[in-house]
PDB file of N, CA and C in Angstrom:
ATOM      1  N   MET A   1     -73.385  74.947  96.482  1.00  0.00           N
ATOM      2  CA  MET A   1     -73.762  75.428  95.075  1.00  0.00           C
ATOM      3  C   MET A   1     -74.830  75.551  94.665  1.00  0.00           C
ATOM      4  N   SER A   2     -75.463  76.422  93.910  1.00  0.00           N
ATOM      5  CA  SER A   2     -76.352  76.104  93.498  1.00  0.00           C
ATOM      6  C   SER A   2     -76.100  76.306  91.657  1.00  0.00           C
ATOM      7  N   VAL A   3     -77.446  75.275  91.041  1.00  0.00           N
ATOM      8  CA  VAL A   3     -77.241  75.291  89.724  1.00  0.00           C
ATOM      9  C   VAL A   3     -78.725  75.400  88.962  1.00  0.00           C
ATOM     10  N   ASP A   4     -78.452  76.300  88.123  1.00  0.00           N
ATOM     11  CA  ASP A   4     -80.123  76.516  87.144  1.00  0.00           C
ATOM     12  C   ASP A   4     -80.070  75.223  86.028  1.00  0.00           C
ATOM     13  N   LEU A   5     -81.270  74.217  86.529  1.00  0.00           N
ATOM     14  CA  LEU A   5     -81.107  73.375  85.539  1.00  0.00           C
ATOM     15  C   LEU A   5     -82.700  73.469  84.695  1.00  0.00           C
ATOM     16  N   ARG A   6     -82.493  73.106  83.406  1.00  0.00           N
ATOM     17  CA  ARG A   6     -83.755  73.058  82.402  1.00  0.00           C
ATOM     18  C   ARG A   6     -84.202  71.879  81.942  1.00  0.00           C
ATOM     19  N   ALA A   7     -85.340  71.380  81.917  1.00  0.00           N
ATOM     20  CA  ALA A   7     -85.673  69.956  81.135  1.00  0.00           C
ATOM     21  C   ALA A   7     -85.245  70.112  79.783  1.00  0.00           C
ATOM     22  N   GLY A   8     -84.420  68.859  79.089  1.00  0.00           N
ATOM     23  CA  GLY A   8     -83.948  68.796  77.986  1.00  0.00           C
ATOM     24  C   GLY A   8     -82.655  69.779  77.393  1.00  0.00           C
ATOM     25  N   SER A   9     -82.137  70.243  78.466  1.00  0.00           N
ATOM     26  CA  SER A   9     -80.997  71.158  78.194  1.00  0.00           C
ATOM     27  C   SER A   9     -79.767  70.414  78.618  1.00  0.00           C
ATOM     28  N   THR A  10     -78.660  71.372  78.501  1.00  0.00           N
ATOM     29  CA  THR A  10     -77.427  70.500  79.250  1.00  0.00           C
ATOM     30  C   THR A  10     -76.730  71.471  79.757  1.00  0.00           C
ATOM     31  N   THR A  11     -76.166  71.666  81.099  1.00  0.00           N
ATOM     32  CA  THR A  11     -75.443  72.401  81.829  1.00  0.00           C
ATOM     33  C   THR A  11     -74.389  71.900  81.974  1.00  0.00           C
ATOM     34  N   TYR A  12     -73.288  73.125  82.058  1.00  0.00           N
ATOM     35  CA  TYR A  12     -71.751  73.241  81.871  1.00  0.00           C
ATOM     36  C   TYR A  12     -71.385  73.471  83.198  1.00  0.00           C
ATOM     37  N   LEU A  13     -70.428  73.003  83.645  1.00  0.00           N
ATOM     38  CA  LEU A  13     -69.980  73.049  84.702  1.00  0.00           C
ATOM     39  C   LEU A  13     -68.366  73.230  84.682  1.00  0.00           C
ATOM     40  N   SER A  14     -67.340  74.277  85.156  1.00  0.00           N
ATOM     41  CA  SER A  14     -65.984  74.217  84.901  1.00  0.00           C
ATOM     42  C   SER A  14     -65.366  74.150  86.307  1.00  0.00           C
ATOM     43  N   ALA A  15     -64.349  73.099  86.551  1.00  0.00           N
ATOM     44  CA  ALA A  15     -64.034  72.641  87.617  1.00  0.00           C
ATOM     45  C   ALA A  15     -62.551  73.446  87.543  1.00  0.00           C
ATOM     46  N   GLN A  16     -62.395  74.440  88.873  1.00  0.00           N
ATOM     47  CA  GLN A  16     -61.269  75.253  89.009  1.00  0.00           C
ATOM     48  C   GLN A  16     -60.405  74.622  90.230  1.00  0.00           C
ATOM     49  N   PRO A  17     -59.703  74.239  90.448  1.00  0.00           N
ATOM     50  CA  PRO A  17     -58.551  74.126  91.456  1.00  0.00           C
ATOM     51  C   PRO A  17     -58.276  75.404  92.276  1.00  0.00           C
ATOM     52  N   GLN A  18     -58.234  75.122  93.600  1.00  0.00           N
ATOM     53  CA  GLN A  18     -57.624  76.289  94.366  1.00  0.00           C
ATOM     54  C   GLN A  18     -56.602  75.810  95.410  1.00  0.00           C
ATOM     55  N   MET A  19     -55.471  76.790  95.383  1.00  0.00           N
ATOM     56  CA  MET A  19     -54.179  76.604  95.823  1.00  0.00           C
ATOM     57  C   MET A  19     -54.539  77.161  97.082  1.00  0.00           C
ATOM     58  N   GLY A  20     -53.918  76.690  98.250  1.00  0.00           N
ATOM     59  CA  GLY A  20     -54.162  77.340  99.524  1.00  0.00           C
ATOM     60  C   GLY A  20     -53.686  76.462 100.901  1.00  0.00           C
ATOM     61  N   ILE A  21     -53.379  77.119 101.632  1.00  0.00           N
ATOM     62  CA  ILE A  21     -52.741  76.465 103.117  1.00  0.00           C
ATOM     63  C   ILE A  21     -54.071  75.754 103.431  1.00  0.00           C
ATOM     64  N   ILE A  22     -55.137  76.393 103.874  1.00  0.00           N
ATOM     65  CA  ILE A  22     -56.342  76.036 104.529  1.00  0.00           C
ATOM     66  C   ILE A  22     -57.183  74.795 103.859  1.00  0.00           C
ATOM     67  N   THR A  23     -57.417  75.107 102.857  1.00  0.00           N
ATOM     68  CA  THR A  23     -57.722  73.628 101.802  1.00  0.00           C
ATOM     69  C   THR A  23     -57.061  73.293 100.599  1.00  0.00           C
ATOM     70  N   PRO A  24     -56.006  72.652 100.765  1.00  0.00           N
ATOM     71  CA  PRO A  24     -55.044  72.544  99.588  1.00  0.00           C
ATOM     72  C   PRO A  24     -55.968  71.544  98.791  1.00  0.00           C
ATOM     73  N   GLY A  25     -55.965  71.545  97.510  1.00  0.00           N
ATOM     74  CA  GLY A  25     -56.391  70.605  96.429  1.00  0.00           C
ATOM     75  C   GLY A  25     -57.987  70.357  96.464  1.00  0.00           C
ATOM     76  N   ALA A  26     -58.779  71.706  97.096  1.00  0.00           N
ATOM     77  CA  ALA A  26     -59.935  71.757  96.808  1.00  0.00           C
ATOM     78  C   ALA A  26     -60.529  72.004  95.618  1.00  0.00           C
ATOM     79  N   ILE A  27     -61.438  71.808  95.040  1.00  0.00           N
ATOM     80  CA  ILE A  27     -62.091  72.482  93.332  1.00  0.00           C
ATOM     81  C   ILE A  27     -63.211  73.351  93.808  1.00  0.00           C
ATOM     82  N   THR A  28     -63.361  74.568  92.952  1.00  0.00           N
ATOM     83  CA  THR A  28     -64.478  75.009  93.097  1.00  0.00           C
ATOM     84  C   THR A  28     -65.221  74.596  91.459  1.00  0.00           C
ATOM     85  N   LEU A  29     -66.365  74.774  91.525  1.00  0.00           N
ATOM     86  CA  LEU A  29     -66.961  74.858  90.170  1.00  0.00           C
ATOM     87  C   LEU A  29     -67.790  75.665  90.215  1.00  0.00           C
ATOM     88  N   ILE A  30     -67.968  76.256  88.468  1.00  0.00           N
ATOM     89  CA  ILE A  30     -68.546  77.142  88.216  1.00  0.00           C
ATOM     90  C   ILE A  30     -69.283  77.027  87.190  1.00  0.00           C
ATOM     91  N   GLN A  31     -70.559  77.432  87.012  1.00  0.00           N
ATOM     92  CA  GLN A  31     -71.533  77.072  85.785  1.00  0.00           C
ATOM     93  C   GLN A  31     -71.075  78.287  84.519  1.00  0.00           C
ATOM     94  N   VAL A  32     -70.972  77.799  83.540  1.00  0.00           N
ATOM     95  CA  VAL A  32     -70.463  78.373  82.352  1.00  0.00           C
ATOM     96  C   VAL A  32     -71.587  78.510  81.732  1.00  0.00           C
ATOM     97  N   THR A  33     -71.793  79.216  80.535  1.00  0.00           N
ATOM     98  CA  THR A  33     -72.608  79.401  79.308  1.00  0.00           C
ATOM     99  C   THR A  33     -72.502  78.191  78.472  1.00  0.00           C
ATOM    100  N   GLU A  34     -73.609  77.897  77.470  1.00  0.00           N
ATOM    101  CA  GLU A  34     -73.716  76.487  76.953  1.00  0.00           C
ATOM    102  C   GLU A  34     -72.359  76.658  76.275  1.00  0.00           C
ATOM    103  N   SER A  35     -72.100  78.174  75.233  1.00  0.00           N
ATOM    104  CA  SER A  35     -71.501  78.273  74.433  1.00  0.00           C
ATOM    105  C   SER A  35     -69.817  77.706  74.659  1.00  0.00           C
ATOM    106  N   GLN A  36     -69.756  78.342  76.208  1.00  0.00           N
ATOM    107  CA  GLN A  36     -68.341  78.477  76.694  1.00  0.00           C
ATOM    108  C   GLN A  36     -68.128  76.897  76.938  1.00  0.00           C
ATOM    109  N   GLY A  37     -68.946  76.013  77.590  1.00  0.00           N
ATOM    110  CA  GLY A  37     -69.274  74.917  77.917  1.00  0.00           C
ATOM    111  C   GLY A  37     -68.859  73.832  76.654  1.00  0.00           C
ATOM    112  N   ARG A  38     -69.649  74.236  75.510  1.00  0.00           N
ATOM    113  CA  ARG A  38     -69.361  73.450  74.274  1.00  0.00           C
ATOM    114  C   ARG A  38     -67.673  73.521  73.680  1.00  0.00           C
ATOM    115  N   ALA A  39     -67.371  74.838  73.711  1.00  0.00           N
ATOM    116  CA  ALA A  39     -65.794  74.899  73.170  1.00  0.00           C
ATOM    117  C   ALA A  39     -64.984  74.355  74.014  1.00  0.00           C
ATOM    118  N   ASP A  40     -65.094  74.342  75.865  1.00  0.00           N
ATOM    119  CA  ASP A  40     -64.366  73.513  76.536  1.00  0.00           C
ATOM    120  C   ASP A  40     -64.269  72.049  76.541  1.00  0.00           C
ATOM    121  N   VAL A  41     -65.111  71.253  75.800  1.00  0.00           N
ATOM    122  CA  VAL A  41     -65.300  70.002  76.118  1.00  0.00           C
ATOM    123  C   VAL A  41     -64.883  69.605  74.385  1.00  0.00           C
ATOM    124  N   ALA A  42     -65.138  70.337  73.566  1.00  0.00           N
ATOM    125  CA  ALA A  42     -64.404  70.248  71.799  1.00  0.00           C
ATOM    126  C   ALA A  42     -63.422  69.538  71.516  1.00  0.00           C
ATOM    127  N   SER A  43     -62.324  69.442  72.524  1.00  0.00           N
ATOM    128  CA  SER A  43     -60.866  68.886  71.665  1.00  0.00           C
ATOM    129  C   SER A  43     -61.017  67.553  73.172  1.00  0.00           C
ATOM    130  N   LEU A  44     -62.079  67.389  73.620  1.00  0.00           N
ATOM    131  CA  LEU A  44     -62.058  66.161  74.600  1.00  0.00           C
ATOM    132  C   LEU A  44     -61.951  64.685  73.672  1.00  0.00           C
ATOM    133  N   HIS A  45     -61.743  63.492  74.175  1.00  0.00           N
ATOM    134  CA  HIS A  45     -62.016  62.560  73.975  1.00  0.00           C
ATOM    135  C   HIS A  45     -62.330  61.437  74.657  1.00  0.00           C
ATOM    136  N   GLN A  46     -63.693  60.708  74.334  1.00  0.00           N
ATOM    137  CA  GLN A  46     -64.055  59.600  75.232  1.00  0.00           C
ATOM    138  C   GLN A  46     -63.488  58.487  75.245  1.00  0.00           C
ATOM    139  N   SER A  47     -63.014  57.752  76.469  1.00  0.00           N
ATOM    140  CA  SER A  47     -62.368  56.422  76.328  1.00  0.00           C
ATOM    141  C   SER A  47     -63.186  55.241  76.935  1.00  0.00           C
ATOM    142  N   ASN A  48     -63.659  54.619  76.604  1.00  0.00           N
ATOM    143  CA  ASN A  48     -64.577  53.343  76.983  1.00  0.00           C
ATOM    144  C   ASN A  48     -63.792  52.318  77.607  1.00  0.00           C
ATOM    145  N   SER A  49     -62.445  52.254  78.046  1.00  0.00           N
ATOM    146  CA  SER A  49     -61.672  51.363  78.576  1.00  0.00           C
ATOM    147  C   SER A  49     -61.554  51.167  80.014  1.00  0.00           C
ATOM    148  N   SER A  50     -61.607  50.117  80.532  1.00  0.00           N
ATOM    149  CA  SER A  50     -62.167  49.540  81.919  1.00  0.00           C
ATOM    150  C   SER A  50     -60.832  49.325  82.378  1.00  0.00           C
ATOM    151  N   CYS A  51     -60.891  49.717  83.705  1.00  0.00           N
ATOM    152  CA  CYS A  51     -59.813  49.855  84.932  1.00  0.00           C
ATOM    153  C   CYS A  51     -59.640  48.501  85.461  1.00  0.00           C
ATOM    154  N   GLY A  52     -60.198  47.507  85.528  1.00  0.00           N
ATOM    155  CA  GLY A  52     -60.685  46.440  86.495  1.00  0.00           C
ATOM    156  C   GLY A  52     -59.070  45.364  85.767  1.00  0.00           C
ATOM    157  N   LYS A  53     -59.277  44.051  86.270  1.00  0.00           N
ATOM    158  CA  LYS A  53     -58.542  43.072  85.739  1.00  0.00           C
ATOM    159  C   LYS A  53     -57.803  43.094  84.343  1.00  0.00           C
ATOM    160  N   ALA A  54     -56.956  42.447  83.890  1.00  0.00           N
ATOM    161  CA  ALA A  54     -56.462  42.605  82.448  1.00  0.00           C
ATOM    162  C   ALA A  54     -56.875  41.436  82.274  1.00  0.00           C
TER     163      ALA A  54
END
């Protein structure tokens, strides 16, 4: 995959799972516009918890 990167900007990728017999579970990454990327992540929440020992 080739991604257009520019200093000082954020690049957004969309991960799309692919179904199939030859490559089950494969994920295709597609570069999306900044407006689409911001809209897609607007409802996400960051979690700062640890998955280590309790």
